[in-house]
Amino acid sequence: MAEIIQKDGTWTFDGESVRIVPGRDKGVGLLRQTLGEVVVPLRALAGISYEPGRKAGRLRLRLREGADPLTQVTGGRLPEASDPYRLSVEPDRTGVAEYFVDAVRNALLLEQVDPGPTDAYLLPGPAVPMAVGAGDGTVTFDGDRVALEWNWTTEEAKRSGGPREFRVTDLRTVEWAPAKGLENGWLRFSLAGAVQPAAPKYDPYTVELFGFKKDPLMALVAAAVALRLPHPAAPAQERVEDAPPKELPAPAAGVAEDHDALLRRLRELGDLHQTGVLTADEFAAAKQSVLRRF
């Protein structure tokens, strides 16, 4: 067994998996603290490296493409303090870090682990249920249903529609992007059959992120949801996001849909059109979709 204990965290390798426990140092990001312990099976690893530094070195795990839902949705855009697969190593522990690297690399060679992409997630993802408040909203996810609630920073055109709730089965994709420079980030849910504006500040299924401390936690929500969607590299399975948009399903025969809800939806679409969020063509298409459900 190989183990390295640092203020930044503790990594342990037992020959079958790398167990990662975040430290309590102030430099440990909120995402790592919230995610907690992560166990990475050997078959999910593509490699490991140690990068020496003047003040501190870094241990890095490189996961196989597609093995981890968190890595999949963040695409290398997490800040270093939030990266659970990076460990800051004090200079006097360089020898231990190098020994750890050798132990993992030898195991990868002995087990002949394929470092290439995988067509299934090999890590369990963040625990649910979860609730995260950041940017202009709060997201709650129980493993099946996603709920969005807005706050005082939300654009009026989006807030006027009220809270949103939908199931994972209604989704085509989930995307997370961090704020960068003067551009805000987002957590975007794309629903099958829904006409959604491109701007996150107006999209009633998108939380806009302003670059504050809790923003990376929305990446955990994205990872938990992505884990329950079809894997993007799954064989012999049509990717939902590549399928053409479908009409929202009509109510079953003999079941009348709530006319008040449909009227509210028409008013909401009208507001989005008047404020320039929806183009004339988008508004006409969305309006016809609602009218057909009366």
Protein backbone atom coordinates (compact mmCIF):
# COMPACT_ATOMS: atom_id res chain seq x y z
CA MET A 1 0.00 0.00 0.00
CA ALA A 2 1.16 3.55 -0.74
CA GLU A 3 -0.04 6.62 1.12
CA ILE A 4 0.76 10.32 1.18
CA ILE A 5 -0.67 12.64 3.84
CA GLN A 6 -0.62 16.40 3.27
CA LYS A 7 -2.49 19.46 4.54
CA ASP A 8 -4.17 19.51 1.14
CA GLY A 9 -5.48 15.96 1.59
CA THR A 10 -4.61 12.28 1.84
CA TRP A 11 -4.20 9.84 -1.05
CA THR A 12 -4.07 6.10 -0.44
CA PHE A 13 -3.45 3.37 -3.01
CA ASP A 14 -4.21 -0.27 -2.16
CA GLY A 15 -3.42 -1.80 -5.53
CA GLU A 16 -7.01 -1.62 -6.77
CA SER A 17 -8.06 1.99 -6.27
CA VAL A 18 -6.86 5.44 -5.23
CA ARG A 19 -8.75 6.77 -2.22
CA ILE A 20 -8.81 10.57 -2.08
CA VAL A 21 -9.75 12.42 1.11
CA PRO A 22 -9.68 16.24 0.96
CA GLY A 23 -7.76 18.10 3.65
CA ARG A 24 -9.00 20.89 5.87
CA ASP A 25 -6.45 23.46 4.80
CA LYS A 26 -7.84 26.86 3.80
CA GLY A 27 -6.55 26.29 0.28
CA VAL A 28 -8.86 23.32 -0.25
CA GLY A 29 -11.69 24.47 -2.51
CA LEU A 30 -15.34 24.33 -1.51
CA LEU A 31 -16.11 21.81 -4.26
CA ARG A 32 -13.56 19.33 -2.89
CA GLN A 33 -14.84 19.82 0.65
CA THR A 34 -18.43 19.25 -0.45
CA LEU A 35 -17.65 16.28 -2.69
CA GLY A 36 -15.80 14.56 0.12
CA GLU A 37 -14.03 11.22 -0.25
CA VAL A 38 -13.56 9.91 -3.79
CA VAL A 39 -12.52 6.36 -4.64
CA VAL A 40 -11.03 6.04 -8.13
CA PRO A 41 -10.79 2.43 -9.38
CA LEU A 42 -7.59 1.51 -11.16
CA ARG A 43 -9.47 0.77 -14.39
CA ALA A 44 -10.65 4.42 -14.49
CA LEU A 45 -7.09 5.77 -14.60
CA ALA A 46 -5.16 6.81 -17.68
CA GLY A 47 -2.07 7.88 -15.74
CA ILE A 48 -0.51 9.73 -12.82
CA SER A 49 2.27 12.30 -12.58
CA TYR A 50 4.24 14.30 -10.06
CA GLU A 51 5.24 17.86 -10.91
CA PRO A 52 7.96 19.25 -8.59
CA GLY A 53 7.81 22.91 -7.65
CA ARG A 54 9.88 25.44 -5.69
CA LYS A 55 7.28 25.97 -2.96
CA ALA A 56 5.12 22.89 -3.51
CA GLY A 57 4.87 20.05 -5.95
CA ARG A 58 1.68 18.54 -7.39
CA LEU A 59 0.41 15.03 -7.73
CA ARG A 60 -2.09 14.67 -10.55
CA LEU A 61 -4.34 11.80 -11.52
CA ARG A 62 -5.33 11.62 -15.16
CA LEU A 63 -8.64 9.82 -15.64
CA ARG A 64 -9.71 8.02 -18.78
CA GLU A 65 -11.91 10.15 -21.01
CA GLY A 66 -15.55 9.48 -20.16
CA ALA A 67 -14.83 7.66 -16.89
CA ASP A 68 -15.90 10.42 -14.49
CA PRO A 69 -19.07 12.52 -14.85
CA LEU A 70 -17.47 15.48 -13.05
CA THR A 71 -14.48 15.56 -15.39
CA GLN A 72 -16.83 15.07 -18.34
CA VAL A 73 -19.00 18.12 -17.61
CA THR A 74 -16.18 20.44 -16.50
CA GLY A 75 -13.82 19.66 -19.38
CA GLY A 76 -10.68 20.82 -17.57
CA ARG A 77 -12.21 24.17 -16.62
CA LEU A 78 -12.25 23.71 -12.83
CA PRO A 79 -9.92 26.00 -10.90
CA GLU A 80 -7.01 24.11 -9.31
CA ALA A 81 -8.35 24.57 -5.77
CA SER A 82 -11.53 22.75 -6.86
CA ASP A 83 -9.83 19.88 -8.71
CA PRO A 84 -10.24 16.68 -6.65
CA TYR A 85 -7.58 14.88 -8.72
CA ARG A 86 -4.75 17.25 -7.79
CA LEU A 87 -2.79 17.16 -4.50
CA SER A 88 -0.39 19.87 -3.34
CA VAL A 89 2.79 18.24 -2.01
CA GLU A 90 5.24 19.90 0.39
CA PRO A 91 8.90 19.90 -0.79
CA ASP A 92 10.08 17.53 1.95
CA ARG A 93 7.57 14.88 0.79
CA THR A 94 8.83 14.68 -2.80
CA GLY A 95 10.21 11.18 -2.24
CA VAL A 96 6.88 9.91 -0.95
CA ALA A 97 5.06 11.45 -3.93
CA GLU A 98 7.44 9.79 -6.38
CA TYR A 99 7.02 6.44 -4.63
CA PHE A 100 3.22 6.86 -4.88
CA VAL A 101 3.49 7.55 -8.62
CA ASP A 102 5.65 4.46 -9.15
CA ALA A 103 3.20 2.25 -7.24
CA VAL A 104 0.22 3.38 -9.32
CA ARG A 105 2.11 3.21 -12.65
CA ASN A 106 3.37 -0.32 -11.89
CA ALA A 107 -0.17 -1.43 -11.11
CA LEU A 108 -1.46 0.07 -14.36
CA LEU A 109 1.20 -1.86 -16.27
CA LEU A 110 0.61 -5.14 -14.45
CA GLU A 111 -3.16 -4.92 -14.92
CA GLN A 112 -2.74 -3.70 -18.52
CA VAL A 113 -5.35 -0.98 -17.98
CA ASP A 114 -6.48 0.60 -21.23
CA PRO A 115 -5.77 4.36 -20.94
CA GLY A 116 -8.14 5.18 -23.78
CA PRO A 117 -11.71 6.52 -23.66
CA THR A 118 -14.50 4.54 -22.02
CA ASP A 119 -18.15 4.31 -23.06
CA ALA A 120 -19.49 4.10 -19.49
CA TYR A 121 -18.95 6.07 -16.29
CA LEU A 122 -16.66 4.23 -13.88
CA LEU A 123 -17.08 6.59 -10.90
CA PRO A 124 -20.35 7.00 -8.97
CA GLY A 125 -20.50 10.80 -9.15
CA PRO A 126 -21.60 13.20 -6.37
CA ALA A 127 -24.06 12.00 -3.77
CA VAL A 128 -27.73 12.97 -4.00
CA PRO A 129 -29.99 14.56 -2.87
CA MET A 130 -28.29 17.92 -3.14
CA ALA A 131 -29.24 21.58 -3.07
CA VAL A 132 -26.93 24.35 -4.28
CA GLY A 133 -27.55 28.08 -4.29
CA ALA A 134 -25.28 30.22 -6.47
CA GLY A 135 -25.61 32.94 -9.07
CA ASP A 136 -29.22 33.85 -9.77
CA GLY A 137 -30.84 30.65 -8.49
CA THR A 138 -30.93 27.52 -6.34
CA VAL A 139 -30.94 24.01 -7.80
CA THR A 140 -32.29 21.00 -5.96
CA PHE A 141 -31.75 17.48 -7.32
CA ASP A 142 -32.94 14.23 -5.77
CA GLY A 143 -31.64 11.84 -8.41
CA ASP A 144 -34.83 12.03 -10.48
CA ARG A 145 -36.25 15.56 -10.36
CA VAL A 146 -34.53 18.91 -10.81
CA ALA A 147 -36.07 22.02 -9.25
CA LEU A 148 -34.98 25.60 -9.96
CA GLU A 149 -35.84 28.57 -7.74
CA TRP A 150 -34.88 32.18 -8.41
CA ASN A 151 -33.56 34.99 -6.22
CA TRP A 152 -33.46 38.79 -6.28
CA THR A 153 -30.61 38.86 -8.83
CA THR A 154 -32.66 36.98 -11.43
CA GLU A 155 -33.74 38.86 -14.54
CA GLU A 156 -37.42 39.78 -14.22
CA ALA A 157 -38.38 38.08 -17.50
CA LYS A 158 -37.08 34.80 -16.09
CA ARG A 159 -38.25 35.23 -12.50
CA SER A 160 -41.81 36.10 -13.55
CA GLY A 161 -42.32 32.53 -14.79
CA GLY A 162 -41.81 31.21 -11.27
CA PRO A 163 -39.89 28.12 -10.12
CA ARG A 164 -39.23 25.28 -12.55
CA GLU A 165 -39.31 21.54 -12.00
CA PHE A 166 -38.62 18.69 -14.42
CA ARG A 167 -37.38 15.11 -14.50
CA VAL A 168 -34.08 13.82 -15.82
CA THR A 169 -36.04 11.95 -18.49
CA ASP A 170 -37.15 15.34 -19.89
CA LEU A 171 -33.55 16.42 -20.51
CA ARG A 172 -31.44 16.38 -23.64
CA THR A 173 -28.24 17.77 -22.09
CA VAL A 174 -26.79 19.49 -19.03
CA GLU A 175 -23.91 21.96 -19.34
CA TRP A 176 -21.71 23.80 -16.86
CA ALA A 177 -19.39 26.69 -17.68
CA PRO A 178 -17.48 28.90 -15.21
CA ALA A 179 -17.50 32.68 -15.27
CA LYS A 180 -14.49 33.96 -17.18
CA GLY A 181 -13.34 37.56 -17.25
CA LEU A 182 -16.38 39.74 -17.87
CA GLU A 183 -18.47 36.80 -19.08
CA ASN A 184 -20.79 35.07 -16.64
CA GLY A 185 -20.95 31.30 -16.41
CA TRP A 186 -23.98 29.05 -16.31
CA LEU A 187 -25.58 25.74 -15.42
CA ARG A 188 -27.86 25.02 -18.37
CA PHE A 189 -30.50 22.31 -18.68
CA SER A 190 -31.69 21.71 -22.24
CA LEU A 191 -35.17 20.17 -22.35
CA ALA A 192 -36.45 18.08 -25.22
CA GLY A 193 -39.04 20.01 -27.19
CA ALA A 194 -38.54 23.29 -25.31
CA VAL A 195 -37.70 26.57 -27.09
CA GLN A 196 -35.02 28.19 -24.93
CA PRO A 197 -33.32 31.57 -25.38
CA ALA A 198 -29.56 31.53 -25.89
CA ALA A 199 -28.79 34.09 -23.18
CA PRO A 200 -28.50 32.42 -19.71
CA LYS A 201 -29.95 35.49 -17.96
CA TYR A 202 -33.28 34.98 -19.79
CA ASP A 203 -33.41 31.18 -19.99
CA PRO A 204 -35.86 29.78 -17.39
CA TYR A 205 -33.91 26.50 -17.38
CA THR A 206 -30.48 28.04 -16.81
CA VAL A 207 -28.80 29.32 -13.65
CA GLU A 208 -26.49 32.24 -14.43
CA LEU A 209 -23.20 32.23 -12.48
CA PHE A 210 -21.35 35.41 -11.55
CA GLY A 211 -17.92 34.03 -10.59
CA PHE A 212 -18.34 33.78 -6.82
CA LYS A 213 -17.14 31.16 -4.32
CA LYS A 214 -20.06 28.74 -4.63
CA ASP A 215 -20.14 28.64 -8.43
CA PRO A 216 -18.05 25.43 -8.71
CA LEU A 217 -20.68 23.59 -6.63
CA MET A 218 -23.01 23.85 -9.62
CA ALA A 219 -20.53 21.57 -11.40
CA LEU A 220 -21.42 18.89 -8.84
CA VAL A 221 -25.09 19.26 -9.80
CA ALA A 222 -24.18 18.98 -13.47
CA ALA A 223 -22.13 15.84 -12.79
CA ALA A 224 -24.92 14.19 -10.76
CA VAL A 225 -27.42 14.86 -13.55
CA ALA A 226 -25.03 13.84 -16.35
CA LEU A 227 -24.47 10.50 -14.63
CA ARG A 228 -28.17 9.73 -15.12
CA LEU A 229 -28.24 10.69 -18.80
CA PRO A 230 -27.04 8.40 -21.60
CA HIS A 231 -23.26 8.33 -21.72
CA PRO A 232 -22.06 10.44 -24.69
CA ALA A 233 -19.93 7.55 -25.98
CA ALA A 234 -22.38 4.70 -25.30
CA PRO A 235 -22.44 2.29 -28.27
CA ALA A 236 -25.54 1.40 -30.25
CA GLN A 237 -27.54 4.08 -28.47
CA GLU A 238 -28.81 7.27 -30.02
CA ARG A 239 -27.54 10.28 -28.11
CA VAL A 240 -30.51 12.25 -26.88
CA GLU A 241 -28.85 15.59 -27.63
CA ASP A 242 -28.33 14.58 -31.27
CA ALA A 243 -31.98 13.72 -31.82
CA PRO A 244 -34.16 16.40 -33.47
CA PRO A 245 -36.32 18.46 -31.09
CA LYS A 246 -39.67 16.86 -30.48
CA GLU A 247 -43.06 18.33 -29.69
CA LEU A 248 -43.95 18.26 -26.04
CA PRO A 249 -46.20 15.22 -25.49
CA ALA A 250 -49.91 15.92 -25.69
CA PRO A 251 -52.14 14.97 -22.72
CA ALA A 252 -53.56 11.48 -22.84
CA ALA A 253 -57.04 11.09 -24.32
CA GLY A 254 -59.71 12.19 -21.90
CA VAL A 255 -57.26 14.08 -19.68
CA ALA A 256 -57.57 17.86 -19.92
CA GLU A 257 -54.46 19.89 -19.31
CA ASP A 258 -54.72 22.83 -16.89
CA HIS A 259 -55.91 25.75 -19.05
CA ASP A 260 -54.78 28.30 -16.48
CA ALA A 261 -51.23 26.91 -16.70
CA LEU A 262 -51.33 27.11 -20.49
CA LEU A 263 -52.58 30.70 -20.37
CA ARG A 264 -49.75 31.59 -17.99
CA ARG A 265 -47.33 29.99 -20.41
CA LEU A 266 -48.71 32.07 -23.29
CA ARG A 267 -48.31 35.25 -21.26
CA GLU A 268 -44.77 34.25 -20.36
CA LEU A 269 -43.91 33.64 -24.01
CA GLY A 270 -45.40 37.02 -24.91
CA ASP A 271 -43.22 38.73 -22.31
CA LEU A 272 -40.12 36.96 -23.61
CA HIS A 273 -40.98 38.06 -27.15
CA GLN A 274 -41.63 41.68 -26.15
CA THR A 275 -38.32 41.91 -24.29
CA GLY A 276 -36.48 40.55 -27.31
CA VAL A 277 -35.51 37.23 -25.73
CA LEU A 278 -37.47 35.24 -28.34
CA THR A 279 -37.40 36.07 -32.03
CA ALA A 280 -40.67 36.32 -33.96
CA ASP A 281 -40.17 32.84 -35.42
CA GLU A 282 -39.31 31.31 -32.05
CA PHE A 283 -42.32 32.97 -30.45
CA ALA A 284 -44.66 31.76 -33.21
CA ALA A 285 -43.39 28.18 -32.95
CA ALA A 286 -43.65 28.12 -29.17
CA LYS A 287 -47.10 29.71 -29.23
CA GLN A 288 -48.43 27.11 -31.69
CA SER A 289 -47.02 24.34 -29.50
CA VAL A 290 -48.97 25.66 -26.51
CA LEU A 291 -52.17 26.32 -28.47
CA ARG A 292 -52.24 22.72 -29.69
CA ARG A 293 -52.45 21.59 -26.08
CA PHE A 294 -55.71 23.43 -25.31
